[in-house]
């Protein structure tokens, strides 16, 4: 199993943006973007609203994607430890 990508990173890559470009476009700190993509923090409600404004991503859809990512990542870690 390959390591899953965080939905924020998937969105950013689909748009062809670097973290710096994504940061400028969404007004979300590049540090926050890196931490979210790395799985070290979650987006705030304000930041999720910014995603909605710029990309039309509803908060509930984003949260569902993030929950699915966390479950996939948990399975990835368990599988990695077994091999």
Protein backbone atom coordinates (compact mmCIF):
# COMPACT_ATOMS: atom_id res chain seq x y z
CA UNK A 1 0.00 0.00 0.00
CA UNK A 2 1.32 3.44 -0.97
CA UNK A 3 1.29 6.27 1.54
CA UNK A 4 -1.94 8.23 1.02
CA UNK A 5 -1.84 11.94 0.22
CA UNK A 6 -3.66 14.45 2.40
CA UNK A 7 -6.71 15.91 0.61
CA UNK A 8 -5.28 19.43 0.89
CA UNK A 9 -2.15 18.31 -0.95
CA UNK A 10 -4.26 16.54 -3.57
CA UNK A 11 -6.24 19.75 -4.14
CA UNK A 12 -3.08 21.85 -4.34
CA UNK A 13 -1.39 19.44 -6.77
CA UNK A 14 -4.52 19.25 -8.94
CA UNK A 15 -4.34 23.04 -9.25
CA UNK A 16 -0.64 22.84 -10.15
CA UNK A 17 0.33 25.08 -7.24
CA UNK A 18 3.30 25.11 -4.91
CA UNK A 19 2.66 25.56 -1.19
CA UNK A 20 3.78 29.20 -1.51
CA UNK A 21 1.41 29.86 -4.42
CA UNK A 22 -1.45 28.08 -2.63
CA UNK A 23 -0.73 30.18 0.45
CA UNK A 24 -0.93 33.45 -1.48
CA UNK A 25 -4.13 32.42 -3.25
CA UNK A 26 -5.95 31.22 -0.13
CA UNK A 27 -4.35 33.50 2.47
CA UNK A 28 -3.45 30.43 4.54
CA UNK A 29 0.04 30.49 6.04
CA UNK A 30 2.57 28.28 4.21
CA UNK A 31 3.54 26.85 7.60
CA UNK A 32 -0.06 25.81 8.24
CA UNK A 33 -0.31 24.28 4.76
CA UNK A 34 2.85 22.23 5.36
CA UNK A 35 1.68 21.13 8.80
CA UNK A 36 -1.77 20.11 7.50
CA UNK A 37 -0.35 18.25 4.52
CA UNK A 38 2.08 16.50 6.88
CA UNK A 39 -0.74 15.43 9.16
CA UNK A 40 0.47 17.48 12.13
CA UNK A 41 -2.55 19.76 12.40
CA UNK A 42 -6.03 20.31 11.01
CA UNK A 43 -7.35 23.32 9.16
CA UNK A 44 -9.32 25.84 11.17
CA UNK A 45 -12.92 26.61 10.28
CA UNK A 46 -11.73 29.94 8.87
CA UNK A 47 -9.19 28.18 6.63
CA UNK A 48 -11.82 25.71 5.45
CA UNK A 49 -14.02 28.70 4.58
CA UNK A 50 -11.14 30.11 2.54
CA UNK A 51 -10.95 26.83 0.60
CA UNK A 52 -14.67 27.10 -0.07
CA UNK A 53 -14.30 30.67 -1.31
CA UNK A 54 -11.45 29.91 -3.70
CA UNK A 55 -12.22 26.35 -4.82
CA UNK A 56 -15.89 25.80 -3.97
CA UNK A 57 -15.08 23.00 -1.53
CA UNK A 58 -17.78 22.68 1.12
CA UNK A 59 -16.56 22.18 4.69
CA UNK A 60 -18.47 18.92 5.16
CA UNK A 61 -16.94 17.48 1.98
CA UNK A 62 -13.44 18.48 3.08
CA UNK A 63 -13.96 17.02 6.55
CA UNK A 64 -15.20 13.75 5.06
CA UNK A 65 -12.13 13.58 2.81
CA UNK A 66 -9.85 14.31 5.76
CA UNK A 67 -11.51 11.59 7.86
CA UNK A 68 -11.08 9.08 5.02
CA UNK A 69 -7.43 10.13 4.65
CA UNK A 70 -6.76 9.63 8.36
CA UNK A 71 -8.28 6.13 8.21
CA UNK A 72 -6.21 5.24 5.13
CA UNK A 73 -3.09 6.64 6.79
CA UNK A 74 -3.77 4.62 9.96
CA UNK A 75 -4.06 1.45 7.86
CA UNK A 76 -0.86 2.39 6.00
CA UNK A 77 1.03 2.72 9.30
CA UNK A 78 -0.27 -0.60 10.62
CA UNK A 79 0.61 -2.36 7.37
CA UNK A 80 4.07 -0.76 7.36
CA UNK A 81 4.77 -2.06 10.87
CA UNK A 82 3.70 -5.57 9.90
CA UNK A 83 6.13 -5.71 6.95
